[in-house]
Each structure stands twice: as C-alpha cells, then as structure tokens.
Amino acid sequence: MSSLARSPQEALILGMVVTGLLALVAAGLLRWFRFDRIWTDLLVPAFFLVAYWLVYNKVPSFPPIGAVNKIFFVAAIGTALGILADAIGRGGLGRALIFAQPIGSAAYIGAARLPDALPEVATAALWGLLVMYGLSGGTGHAGDESSTRRAALLAIASVGFAPIALLGASSSSFQLSLLFAAAIAAIVVANISNPDFRFRSASLLGGAGGMIAVAQTVTLITRKTDMLALAVLTLVFVTPFVVDPVLRRIRARNKVVRVAAFVGMCLLPVGASLLTVITRYGSSFPV
C-alpha cells in the first residue's frame, strides 16, 4: 500500500481506510447472513492479524525469532485457545486463560532478557493483568452492550497507545495500533444494534492479548516507553467500573446513547495521556 501513497502519513491513512472498510464488510456479512455468535467473536482477533500483516507485510515463520515475530503467534494462539475455551463451555477455563496470558506473554517476549530484567518483565505482566481485568469485568449486565463496550474500549486504548509507541521508537507499533483501532471502530459501527455480537474469550485472548503483547514489546525491548503517559492511559480501563452509576444519573436508556457516553468517558484518560506526551516532549515529539 505504501507504493500507492506519496508520504508515510498518506500510507497510514490509506491503511486505516482499507482495514476499516474490510472490517465493515466482514462484520456486515456476518450480520446479514446471521452467522453463529462464535464467528462475531473472531472478528476482532482476525483483524489484529490482518493489521499485523499489513504493517509488517509478512506472516512470521515458526518458531518465531525476535519479539516482533512473537506478537503474531501470541495473538494467533490466544485466538485458538479462546475458541477452545468457549467451545467446551467452561467459563472458569476461559477466565484462567484470560489472566494467565499476560503473564505468559511477558515472559515469552522478554525471555531473552531474563533473569536480569525480571522486575521489568514482572511489571509488564502486571500491567497486562490490569488491562485484562478492565476489559473482562465491570462492563454491565447486558450481554450485547457489554461486548460493544469492550470492543470500543480496546479501540480507544489502541489509539491512546499509538503516540506512546511512536515515542518509544516503534513506528511499526504506532501503525499497528491505529490500523487495529480503525478495524475495531468499523466492527462496532456495524454491530451497534446487533444483539448477537460477542466480544468474549477469542477477542480477549487474540485481539486484546495481541495488543498487550505489542505494548509489552515496546516496554521490554525498546525500553523507551514513557511510563507516566502509559500509567495515565491505563486509567481508561477503570471506566467500565464507573460508567454505570453515571449512566443511571443521566437516565440514558438508548443503547447508542449509552455506548456514546461510555466512549466519551474513555476518551478522557486517553486525552490526558496524549496531553502528557505533548507537555513532556513538545516539539521533540516525532511526527
């Protein structure tokens, strides 16, 4: 796609448009033909892998060498495990995998630096646990709205992580974050009123797990991550636990309005994180 663009910025925008359109068409077709709910749960992780392929222009060979190549398999294996957990119908297994994955991902990606960097790997694992906890809990009692909120939260968090990745000397992670966010946004738009949309184990382990692996790679490998900005961004995962009391006070009953209010609340810590980056780096921020 870069051959069709006249600048890196145009290539990024073109990539976001293409990824978003592909996701919109795929989500629309699944809804039109009323595919089983398990297929809608595959949309998010599938488009993480699509975004990875668009950015890196490859599917890594197995076994992967290097942290960047490992990201693909963290997402792919996570997706497969998520499908398996839901297929056998054991919620306890799914929850165990959701909270085990960030630990395994941090150890896998940071293996080359162990045991010297054990505190850093442990911190990356703990951060991943917090992200998974925010995505998997506190999103309300309505199943379809809960899934929509989770998807929207992951998209917004991916956008918020993009400038942190760029500042961490990882332009590829910057692009991957934005392409993935564009795909999720399209999926949310296509399914905003779809009661059969699901963001469950496959989406958490494959899609969210993939993005957590991206963040862990930037943190553990480039080691240029702005930890203050990342800490501020992490506050976005508190939103699911505080949104419902706010919605009750404003008496929002329509699902679209409720999701829009949720998105607005999620944007506050993302904006604060971006402001932190701009304030701390100003004109030296790479653009």
C-alpha atoms as a PDB file:
ATOM      1  CA  MET A   1       0.000   0.000   0.000  1.00  0.00           C
ATOM      2  CA  SER A   2       2.922   2.305   0.615  1.00  0.00           C
ATOM      3  CA  SER A   3       3.567   2.272  -3.149  1.00  0.00           C
ATOM      4  CA  LEU A   4       0.203   3.992  -3.670  1.00  0.00           C
ATOM      5  CA  ALA A   5       0.931   6.790  -1.204  1.00  0.00           C
ATOM      6  CA  ARG A   6       3.181   9.803  -1.589  1.00  0.00           C
ATOM      7  CA  SER A   7       4.161  10.008   2.080  1.00  0.00           C
ATOM      8  CA  PRO A   8       4.213   7.853   5.219  1.00  0.00           C
ATOM      9  CA  GLN A   9       1.218   9.792   6.514  1.00  0.00           C
ATOM     10  CA  GLU A  10      -0.796   9.001   3.379  1.00  0.00           C
ATOM     11  CA  ALA A  11       0.225   5.347   3.619  1.00  0.00           C
ATOM     12  CA  LEU A  12      -1.008   5.218   7.223  1.00  0.00           C
ATOM     13  CA  ILE A  13      -4.336   6.847   6.382  1.00  0.00           C
ATOM     14  CA  LEU A  14      -4.789   4.555   3.390  1.00  0.00           C
ATOM     15  CA  GLY A  15      -4.038   1.539   5.571  1.00  0.00           C
ATOM     16  CA  MET A  16      -6.588   2.649   8.166  1.00  0.00           C
ATOM     17  CA  VAL A  17      -9.238   3.200   5.495  1.00  0.00           C
ATOM     18  CA  VAL A  18      -8.612  -0.193   3.865  1.00  0.00           C
ATOM     19  CA  THR A  19      -8.580  -2.031   7.199  1.00  0.00           C
ATOM     20  CA  GLY A  20     -11.716  -0.253   8.344  1.00  0.00           C
ATOM     21  CA  LEU A  21     -13.578  -0.991   5.122  1.00  0.00           C
ATOM     22  CA  LEU A  22     -12.571  -4.652   5.190  1.00  0.00           C
ATOM     23  CA  ALA A  23     -13.737  -4.941   8.798  1.00  0.00           C
ATOM     24  CA  LEU A  24     -17.005  -3.166   7.992  1.00  0.00           C
ATOM     25  CA  VAL A  25     -17.723  -5.518   5.096  1.00  0.00           C
ATOM     26  CA  ALA A  26     -16.799  -8.627   7.101  1.00  0.00           C
ATOM     27  CA  ALA A  27     -18.914  -7.572  10.081  1.00  0.00           C
ATOM     28  CA  GLY A  28     -21.796  -6.648   7.805  1.00  0.00           C
ATOM     29  CA  LEU A  29     -21.716 -10.004   6.021  1.00  0.00           C
ATOM     30  CA  LEU A  30     -21.651 -11.952   9.282  1.00  0.00           C
ATOM     31  CA  ARG A  31     -24.647  -9.992  10.490  1.00  0.00           C
ATOM     32  CA  TRP A  32     -26.526 -10.197   7.173  1.00  0.00           C
ATOM     33  CA  PHE A  33     -26.206 -13.976   6.946  1.00  0.00           C
ATOM     34  CA  ARG A  34     -26.748 -14.409  10.696  1.00  0.00           C
ATOM     35  CA  PHE A  35     -23.650 -16.443  11.369  1.00  0.00           C
ATOM     36  CA  ASP A  36     -23.277 -18.070  14.764  1.00  0.00           C
ATOM     37  CA  ARG A  37     -22.072 -15.824  17.587  1.00  0.00           C
ATOM     38  CA  ILE A  38     -18.695 -17.541  17.721  1.00  0.00           C
ATOM     39  CA  TRP A  39     -17.881 -16.008  14.325  1.00  0.00           C
ATOM     40  CA  THR A  40     -18.521 -12.464  15.554  1.00  0.00           C
ATOM     41  CA  ASP A  41     -16.109 -13.182  18.421  1.00  0.00           C
ATOM     42  CA  LEU A  42     -13.442 -13.918  15.794  1.00  0.00           C
ATOM     43  CA  LEU A  43     -13.756 -10.537  14.087  1.00  0.00           C
ATOM     44  CA  VAL A  44     -11.518  -8.592  16.481  1.00  0.00           C
ATOM     45  CA  PRO A  45      -8.613 -11.087  16.662  1.00  0.00           C
ATOM     46  CA  ALA A  46      -8.816 -11.756  12.915  1.00  0.00           C
ATOM     47  CA  PHE A  47      -8.350  -8.068  12.170  1.00  0.00           C
ATOM     48  CA  PHE A  48      -5.493  -7.787  14.606  1.00  0.00           C
ATOM     49  CA  LEU A  49      -3.712 -10.378  12.455  1.00  0.00           C
ATOM     50  CA  VAL A  50      -4.773  -8.540   9.288  1.00  0.00           C
ATOM     51  CA  ALA A  51      -3.384  -5.279  10.687  1.00  0.00           C
ATOM     52  CA  TYR A  52      -0.154  -7.052  11.632  1.00  0.00           C
ATOM     53  CA  TRP A  53       0.197  -8.413   8.095  1.00  0.00           C
ATOM     54  CA  LEU A  54      -0.464  -5.003   6.549  1.00  0.00           C
ATOM     55  CA  VAL A  55       2.157  -3.331   8.746  1.00  0.00           C
ATOM     56  CA  TYR A  56       4.897  -5.962   8.555  1.00  0.00           C
ATOM     57  CA  ASN A  57       3.959  -7.424   5.154  1.00  0.00           C
ATOM     58  CA  LYS A  58       4.559 -10.983   6.337  1.00  0.00           C
ATOM     59  CA  VAL A  59       3.371 -13.915   8.379  1.00  0.00           C
ATOM     60  CA  PRO A  60       6.329 -14.881  10.588  1.00  0.00           C
ATOM     61  CA  SER A  61       7.812 -18.342  10.321  1.00  0.00           C
ATOM     62  CA  PHE A  62       7.516 -20.717  13.255  1.00  0.00           C
ATOM     63  CA  PRO A  63       9.188 -20.859  15.682  1.00  0.00           C
ATOM     64  CA  PRO A  64       9.446 -17.055  15.681  1.00  0.00           C
ATOM     65  CA  ILE A  65      12.712 -15.284  16.287  1.00  0.00           C
ATOM     66  CA  GLY A  66      12.508 -11.833  17.833  1.00  0.00           C
ATOM     67  CA  ALA A  67       9.810 -10.109  19.870  1.00  0.00           C
ATOM     68  CA  VAL A  68       8.000  -8.592  16.877  1.00  0.00           C
ATOM     69  CA  ASN A  69       7.510 -12.005  15.287  1.00  0.00           C
ATOM     70  CA  LYS A  70       6.325 -13.436  18.598  1.00  0.00           C
ATOM     71  CA  ILE A  71       3.444 -10.924  18.712  1.00  0.00           C
ATOM     72  CA  PHE A  72       1.730 -12.643  15.780  1.00  0.00           C
ATOM     73  CA  PHE A  73       1.770 -16.026  17.490  1.00  0.00           C
ATOM     74  CA  VAL A  74       0.676 -14.615  20.850  1.00  0.00           C
ATOM     75  CA  ALA A  75      -2.457 -13.352  19.065  1.00  0.00           C
ATOM     76  CA  ALA A  76      -2.968 -16.448  16.901  1.00  0.00           C
ATOM     77  CA  ILE A  77      -2.535 -18.956  19.737  1.00  0.00           C
ATOM     78  CA  GLY A  78      -4.631 -16.797  22.032  1.00  0.00           C
ATOM     79  CA  THR A  79      -7.445 -16.822  19.478  1.00  0.00           C
ATOM     80  CA  ALA A  80      -7.320 -20.599  19.203  1.00  0.00           C
ATOM     81  CA  LEU A  81      -7.363 -21.019  22.981  1.00  0.00           C
ATOM     82  CA  GLY A  82     -10.281 -18.623  23.245  1.00  0.00           C
ATOM     83  CA  ILE A  83     -12.293 -20.613  20.714  1.00  0.00           C
ATOM     84  CA  LEU A  84     -11.468 -23.824  22.569  1.00  0.00           C
ATOM     85  CA  ALA A  85     -12.458 -22.386  25.956  1.00  0.00           C
ATOM     86  CA  ASP A  86     -15.838 -21.186  24.676  1.00  0.00           C
ATOM     87  CA  ALA A  87     -16.443 -24.388  22.685  1.00  0.00           C
ATOM     88  CA  ILE A  88     -16.107 -26.634  25.734  1.00  0.00           C
ATOM     89  CA  GLY A  89     -18.303 -24.247  27.704  1.00  0.00           C
ATOM     90  CA  ARG A  90     -16.157 -23.871  30.793  1.00  0.00           C
ATOM     91  CA  GLY A  91     -16.176 -20.278  31.958  1.00  0.00           C
ATOM     92  CA  GLY A  92     -13.565 -20.985  34.605  1.00  0.00           C
ATOM     93  CA  LEU A  93     -11.078 -22.116  31.964  1.00  0.00           C
ATOM     94  CA  GLY A  94     -11.695 -19.002  29.900  1.00  0.00           C
ATOM     95  CA  ARG A  95     -11.155 -16.721  32.889  1.00  0.00           C
ATOM     96  CA  ALA A  96      -7.995 -18.581  33.871  1.00  0.00           C
ATOM     97  CA  LEU A  97      -6.586 -18.206  30.351  1.00  0.00           C
ATOM     98  CA  ILE A  98      -7.507 -14.514  30.226  1.00  0.00           C
ATOM     99  CA  PHE A  99      -5.477 -13.770  33.333  1.00  0.00           C
ATOM    100  CA  ALA A 100      -2.660 -16.221  32.574  1.00  0.00           C
ATOM    101  CA  GLN A 101      -1.996 -14.895  29.096  1.00  0.00           C
ATOM    102  CA  PRO A 102      -0.444 -11.505  30.014  1.00  0.00           C
ATOM    103  CA  ILE A 103       1.977 -13.304  32.329  1.00  0.00           C
ATOM    104  CA  GLY A 104       2.930 -15.847  29.687  1.00  0.00           C
ATOM    105  CA  SER A 105       3.158 -13.148  27.014  1.00  0.00           C
ATOM    106  CA  ALA A 106       5.518 -11.002  29.109  1.00  0.00           C
ATOM    107  CA  ALA A 107       7.742 -13.985  29.890  1.00  0.00           C
ATOM    108  CA  TYR A 108       7.717 -15.117  26.240  1.00  0.00           C
ATOM    109  CA  ILE A 109       8.542 -11.724  24.786  1.00  0.00           C
ATOM    110  CA  GLY A 110      11.057 -10.818  27.469  1.00  0.00           C
ATOM    111  CA  ALA A 111      12.682 -14.276  27.578  1.00  0.00           C
ATOM    112  CA  ALA A 112      15.919 -13.047  26.020  1.00  0.00           C
ATOM    113  CA  ARG A 113      16.364 -10.570  28.882  1.00  0.00           C
ATOM    114  CA  LEU A 114      15.625 -12.981  31.734  1.00  0.00           C
ATOM    115  CA  PRO A 115      16.679 -13.288  34.508  1.00  0.00           C
ATOM    116  CA  ASP A 116      18.447  -9.889  34.514  1.00  0.00           C
ATOM    117  CA  ALA A 117      15.261  -7.990  33.665  1.00  0.00           C
ATOM    118  CA  LEU A 118      12.906  -9.938  35.911  1.00  0.00           C
ATOM    119  CA  PRO A 119      11.442  -6.783  37.563  1.00  0.00           C
ATOM    120  CA  GLU A 120      10.669  -5.284  34.149  1.00  0.00           C
ATOM    121  CA  VAL A 121       9.059  -8.490  32.907  1.00  0.00           C
ATOM    122  CA  ALA A 122       7.020  -8.750  36.114  1.00  0.00           C
ATOM    123  CA  THR A 123       5.863  -5.144  35.715  1.00  0.00           C
ATOM    124  CA  ALA A 124       4.847  -5.787  32.109  1.00  0.00           C
ATOM    125  CA  ALA A 125       2.916  -8.882  33.217  1.00  0.00           C
ATOM    126  CA  LEU A 126       1.153  -6.955  35.997  1.00  0.00           C
ATOM    127  CA  TRP A 127       0.202  -4.188  33.574  1.00  0.00           C
ATOM    128  CA  GLY A 128      -1.246  -6.779  31.205  1.00  0.00           C
ATOM    129  CA  LEU A 129      -3.268  -8.279  34.065  1.00  0.00           C
ATOM    130  CA  LEU A 130      -4.748  -4.862  34.866  1.00  0.00           C
ATOM    131  CA  VAL A 131      -5.707  -4.355  31.222  1.00  0.00           C
ATOM    132  CA  MET A 132      -7.369  -7.759  31.006  1.00  0.00           C
ATOM    133  CA  TYR A 133      -9.215  -7.149  34.262  1.00  0.00           C
ATOM    134  CA  GLY A 134     -10.571  -3.860  32.943  1.00  0.00           C
ATOM    135  CA  LEU A 135     -11.642  -5.387  29.645  1.00  0.00           C
ATOM    136  CA  SER A 136     -13.227  -8.501  31.092  1.00  0.00           C
ATOM    137  CA  GLY A 137     -15.034  -7.043  34.091  1.00  0.00           C
ATOM    138  CA  GLY A 138     -17.380  -4.246  35.051  1.00  0.00           C
ATOM    139  CA  THR A 139     -18.908  -3.735  31.612  1.00  0.00           C
ATOM    140  CA  GLY A 140     -22.544  -4.019  32.632  1.00  0.00           C
ATOM    141  CA  HIS A 141     -25.139  -6.768  32.771  1.00  0.00           C
ATOM    142  CA  ALA A 142     -26.457  -6.606  29.191  1.00  0.00           C
ATOM    143  CA  GLY A 143     -24.527  -9.115  27.081  1.00  0.00           C
ATOM    144  CA  ASP A 144     -24.617  -7.316  23.753  1.00  0.00           C
ATOM    145  CA  GLU A 145     -23.897  -3.901  25.252  1.00  0.00           C
ATOM    146  CA  SER A 146     -21.095  -5.357  27.331  1.00  0.00           C
ATOM    147  CA  SER A 147     -19.444  -6.740  24.191  1.00  0.00           C
ATOM    148  CA  THR A 148     -19.858  -3.432  22.362  1.00  0.00           C
ATOM    149  CA  ARG A 149     -18.316  -1.555  25.263  1.00  0.00           C
ATOM    150  CA  ARG A 150     -15.356  -3.919  25.428  1.00  0.00           C
ATOM    151  CA  ALA A 151     -14.662  -3.550  21.723  1.00  0.00           C
ATOM    152  CA  ALA A 152     -14.949   0.239  21.903  1.00  0.00           C
ATOM    153  CA  LEU A 153     -12.652   0.334  24.937  1.00  0.00           C
ATOM    154  CA  LEU A 154      -9.992  -1.714  23.148  1.00  0.00           C
ATOM    155  CA  ALA A 155     -10.189   0.549  20.082  1.00  0.00           C
ATOM    156  CA  ILE A 156      -9.828   3.718  22.158  1.00  0.00           C
ATOM    157  CA  ALA A 157      -6.973   2.261  24.208  1.00  0.00           C
ATOM    158  CA  SER A 158      -5.186   1.259  20.977  1.00  0.00           C
ATOM    159  CA  VAL A 159      -5.472   4.835  19.696  1.00  0.00           C
ATOM    160  CA  GLY A 160      -4.135   6.106  23.012  1.00  0.00           C
ATOM    161  CA  PHE A 161      -1.181   3.746  22.915  1.00  0.00           C
ATOM    162  CA  ALA A 162      -0.174   4.781  19.382  1.00  0.00           C
ATOM    163  CA  PRO A 163       1.700   8.020  20.314  1.00  0.00           C
ATOM    164  CA  ILE A 164       3.355   6.230  23.243  1.00  0.00           C
ATOM    165  CA  ALA A 165       4.617   3.571  20.823  1.00  0.00           C
ATOM    166  CA  LEU A 166       5.885   6.234  18.432  1.00  0.00           C
ATOM    167  CA  LEU A 167       7.690   7.973  21.256  1.00  0.00           C
ATOM    168  CA  GLY A 168       9.132   4.590  22.187  1.00  0.00           C
ATOM    169  CA  ALA A 169      10.890   4.422  18.800  1.00  0.00           C
ATOM    170  CA  SER A 170       8.438   1.894  17.386  1.00  0.00           C
ATOM    171  CA  SER A 171       6.784   3.352  14.312  1.00  0.00           C
ATOM    172  CA  SER A 172       5.510  -0.097  13.323  1.00  0.00           C
ATOM    173  CA  SER A 173       3.667  -0.471  16.639  1.00  0.00           C
ATOM    174  CA  PHE A 174       2.263   3.027  16.092  1.00  0.00           C
ATOM    175  CA  GLN A 175       0.860   1.961  12.722  1.00  0.00           C
ATOM    176  CA  LEU A 176      -0.405  -1.382  14.024  1.00  0.00           C
ATOM    177  CA  SER A 177      -2.250   0.308  16.882  1.00  0.00           C
ATOM    178  CA  LEU A 178      -4.053   2.717  14.565  1.00  0.00           C
ATOM    179  CA  LEU A 179      -4.922   0.126  11.908  1.00  0.00           C
ATOM    180  CA  PHE A 180      -6.288  -2.190  14.556  1.00  0.00           C
ATOM    181  CA  ALA A 181      -8.291   0.648  16.130  1.00  0.00           C
ATOM    182  CA  ALA A 182      -9.787   1.521  12.731  1.00  0.00           C
ATOM    183  CA  ALA A 183     -10.879  -2.091  12.237  1.00  0.00           C
ATOM    184  CA  ILE A 184     -12.493  -2.315  15.683  1.00  0.00           C
ATOM    185  CA  ALA A 185     -14.283   1.008  15.159  1.00  0.00           C
ATOM    186  CA  ALA A 186     -15.794  -0.346  11.944  1.00  0.00           C
ATOM    187  CA  ILE A 187     -16.814  -3.571  13.717  1.00  0.00           C
ATOM    188  CA  VAL A 188     -18.518  -1.583  16.486  1.00  0.00           C
ATOM    189  CA  VAL A 189     -20.386   0.588  13.963  1.00  0.00           C
ATOM    190  CA  ALA A 190     -21.609  -2.495  12.079  1.00  0.00           C
ATOM    191  CA  ASN A 191     -22.776  -4.181  15.283  1.00  0.00           C
ATOM    192  CA  ILE A 192     -24.011  -1.275  17.395  1.00  0.00           C
ATOM    193  CA  SER A 193     -27.552  -2.661  17.353  1.00  0.00           C
ATOM    194  CA  ASN A 194     -26.685  -6.324  16.879  1.00  0.00           C
ATOM    195  CA  PRO A 195     -27.640  -8.439  19.936  1.00  0.00           C
ATOM    196  CA  ASP A 196     -25.601 -11.359  18.558  1.00  0.00           C
ATOM    197  CA  PHE A 197     -22.272  -9.525  18.581  1.00  0.00           C
ATOM    198  CA  ARG A 198     -19.822 -11.083  21.008  1.00  0.00           C
ATOM    199  CA  PHE A 199     -16.510  -9.917  22.435  1.00  0.00           C
ATOM    200  CA  ARG A 200     -15.555 -12.924  24.527  1.00  0.00           C
ATOM    201  CA  SER A 201     -12.591 -15.251  25.016  1.00  0.00           C
ATOM    202  CA  ALA A 202     -11.278 -15.214  21.437  1.00  0.00           C
ATOM    203  CA  SER A 203     -11.459 -11.416  21.265  1.00  0.00           C
ATOM    204  CA  LEU A 204      -9.825 -11.034  24.669  1.00  0.00           C
ATOM    205  CA  LEU A 205      -7.062 -13.603  24.170  1.00  0.00           C
ATOM    206  CA  GLY A 206      -6.464 -12.900  20.480  1.00  0.00           C
ATOM    207  CA  GLY A 207      -7.273  -9.223  19.948  1.00  0.00           C
ATOM    208  CA  ALA A 208      -6.605  -7.673  23.352  1.00  0.00           C
ATOM    209  CA  GLY A 209      -3.843 -10.216  24.009  1.00  0.00           C
ATOM    210  CA  GLY A 210      -2.157  -9.184  20.775  1.00  0.00           C
ATOM    211  CA  MET A 211      -2.227  -5.500  21.694  1.00  0.00           C
ATOM    212  CA  ILE A 212      -0.933  -6.259  25.177  1.00  0.00           C
ATOM    213  CA  ALA A 213       1.964  -8.137  23.537  1.00  0.00           C
ATOM    214  CA  VAL A 214       2.643  -5.071  21.361  1.00  0.00           C
ATOM    215  CA  ALA A 215       2.802  -2.826  24.432  1.00  0.00           C
ATOM    216  CA  GLN A 216       4.968  -5.320  26.292  1.00  0.00           C
ATOM    217  CA  THR A 217       7.346  -5.456  23.328  1.00  0.00           C
ATOM    218  CA  VAL A 218       7.749  -1.675  23.256  1.00  0.00           C
ATOM    219  CA  THR A 219       8.231  -1.626  27.028  1.00  0.00           C
ATOM    220  CA  LEU A 220      10.669  -4.533  27.286  1.00  0.00           C
ATOM    221  CA  ILE A 221      12.607  -4.285  24.033  1.00  0.00           C
ATOM    222  CA  THR A 222      12.972  -0.621  23.041  1.00  0.00           C
ATOM    223  CA  ARG A 223      12.838   0.426  26.726  1.00  0.00           C
ATOM    224  CA  LYS A 224      11.974   3.989  25.659  1.00  0.00           C
ATOM    225  CA  THR A 225       8.364   3.920  26.783  1.00  0.00           C
ATOM    226  CA  ASP A 226       7.083   6.965  28.624  1.00  0.00           C
ATOM    227  CA  MET A 227       5.870   5.181  31.744  1.00  0.00           C
ATOM    228  CA  LEU A 228       3.975   8.224  33.039  1.00  0.00           C
ATOM    229  CA  ALA A 229       1.954   8.513  29.830  1.00  0.00           C
ATOM    230  CA  LEU A 230       1.329   4.750  29.878  1.00  0.00           C
ATOM    231  CA  ALA A 231       0.164   4.940  33.505  1.00  0.00           C
ATOM    232  CA  VAL A 232      -2.257   7.747  32.648  1.00  0.00           C
ATOM    233  CA  LEU A 233      -3.548   5.789  29.644  1.00  0.00           C
ATOM    234  CA  THR A 234      -4.117   2.735  31.839  1.00  0.00           C
ATOM    235  CA  LEU A 235      -6.786   4.712  33.711  1.00  0.00           C
ATOM    236  CA  VAL A 236      -9.033   4.140  30.678  1.00  0.00           C
ATOM    237  CA  PHE A 237      -9.543   0.593  31.943  1.00  0.00           C
ATOM    238  CA  VAL A 238     -11.164   1.957  35.105  1.00  0.00           C
ATOM    239  CA  THR A 239     -14.014   3.377  33.012  1.00  0.00           C
ATOM    240  CA  PRO A 240     -16.069   0.144  32.851  1.00  0.00           C
ATOM    241  CA  PHE A 241     -16.316   0.122  36.638  1.00  0.00           C
ATOM    242  CA  VAL A 242     -17.601   3.691  36.998  1.00  0.00           C
ATOM    243  CA  VAL A 243     -19.738   4.197  33.894  1.00  0.00           C
ATOM    244  CA  ASP A 244     -22.987   2.594  35.053  1.00  0.00           C
ATOM    245  CA  PRO A 245     -23.583   4.925  38.035  1.00  0.00           C
ATOM    246  CA  VAL A 246     -23.054   7.869  35.666  1.00  0.00           C
ATOM    247  CA  LEU A 247     -25.477   6.444  33.114  1.00  0.00           C
ATOM    248  CA  ARG A 248     -28.094   5.940  35.827  1.00  0.00           C
ATOM    249  CA  ARG A 249     -27.778   9.561  36.885  1.00  0.00           C
ATOM    250  CA  ILE A 250     -28.285  10.860  33.352  1.00  0.00           C
ATOM    251  CA  ARG A 251     -31.045   8.257  32.800  1.00  0.00           C
ATOM    252  CA  ALA A 252     -29.619   7.060  29.495  1.00  0.00           C
ATOM    253  CA  ARG A 253     -31.713   4.150  28.222  1.00  0.00           C
ATOM    254  CA  ASN A 254     -30.971   4.012  24.499  1.00  0.00           C
ATOM    255  CA  LYS A 255     -28.058   1.680  23.737  1.00  0.00           C
ATOM    256  CA  VAL A 256     -26.435   4.037  21.207  1.00  0.00           C
ATOM    257  CA  VAL A 257     -26.565   6.900  23.707  1.00  0.00           C
ATOM    258  CA  ARG A 258     -25.167   4.689  26.459  1.00  0.00           C
ATOM    259  CA  VAL A 259     -22.296   3.474  24.290  1.00  0.00           C
ATOM    260  CA  ALA A 260     -21.589   7.038  23.132  1.00  0.00           C
ATOM    261  CA  ALA A 261     -21.431   8.182  26.766  1.00  0.00           C
ATOM    262  CA  PHE A 262     -19.107   5.295  27.570  1.00  0.00           C
ATOM    263  CA  VAL A 263     -16.838   6.245  24.652  1.00  0.00           C
ATOM    264  CA  GLY A 264     -16.796   9.862  25.826  1.00  0.00           C
ATOM    265  CA  MET A 265     -15.690   8.805  29.290  1.00  0.00           C
ATOM    266  CA  CYS A 266     -12.981   6.560  27.831  1.00  0.00           C
ATOM    267  CA  LEU A 267     -11.620   9.453  25.796  1.00  0.00           C
ATOM    268  CA  LEU A 268     -10.860  11.489  28.922  1.00  0.00           C
ATOM    269  CA  PRO A 269      -7.836   9.439  30.129  1.00  0.00           C
ATOM    270  CA  VAL A 270      -6.712   8.945  26.532  1.00  0.00           C
ATOM    271  CA  GLY A 271      -6.729  12.717  26.046  1.00  0.00           C
ATOM    272  CA  ALA A 272      -4.879  13.157  29.333  1.00  0.00           C
ATOM    273  CA  SER A 273      -2.252  10.642  28.194  1.00  0.00           C
ATOM    274  CA  LEU A 274      -1.778  12.480  24.893  1.00  0.00           C
ATOM    275  CA  LEU A 275      -1.533  15.793  26.753  1.00  0.00           C
ATOM    276  CA  THR A 276       1.119  14.237  28.996  1.00  0.00           C
ATOM    277  CA  VAL A 277       3.170  13.245  25.963  1.00  0.00           C
ATOM    278  CA  ILE A 278       2.825  16.676  24.318  1.00  0.00           C
ATOM    279  CA  THR A 279       3.633  18.525  27.544  1.00  0.00           C
ATOM    280  CA  ARG A 280       6.702  16.419  28.307  1.00  0.00           C
ATOM    281  CA  TYR A 281       8.175  16.359  24.804  1.00  0.00           C
ATOM    282  CA  GLY A 282       6.732  19.303  22.900  1.00  0.00           C
ATOM    283  CA  SER A 283       8.466  19.938  19.599  1.00  0.00           C
ATOM    284  CA  SER A 284      10.805  16.972  20.106  1.00  0.00           C
ATOM    285  CA  PHE A 285       7.876  14.565  19.722  1.00  0.00           C
ATOM    286  CA  PRO A 286       8.495  12.571  16.498  1.00  0.00           C
ATOM    287  CA  VAL A 287       5.898  13.275  13.803  1.00  0.00           C
END
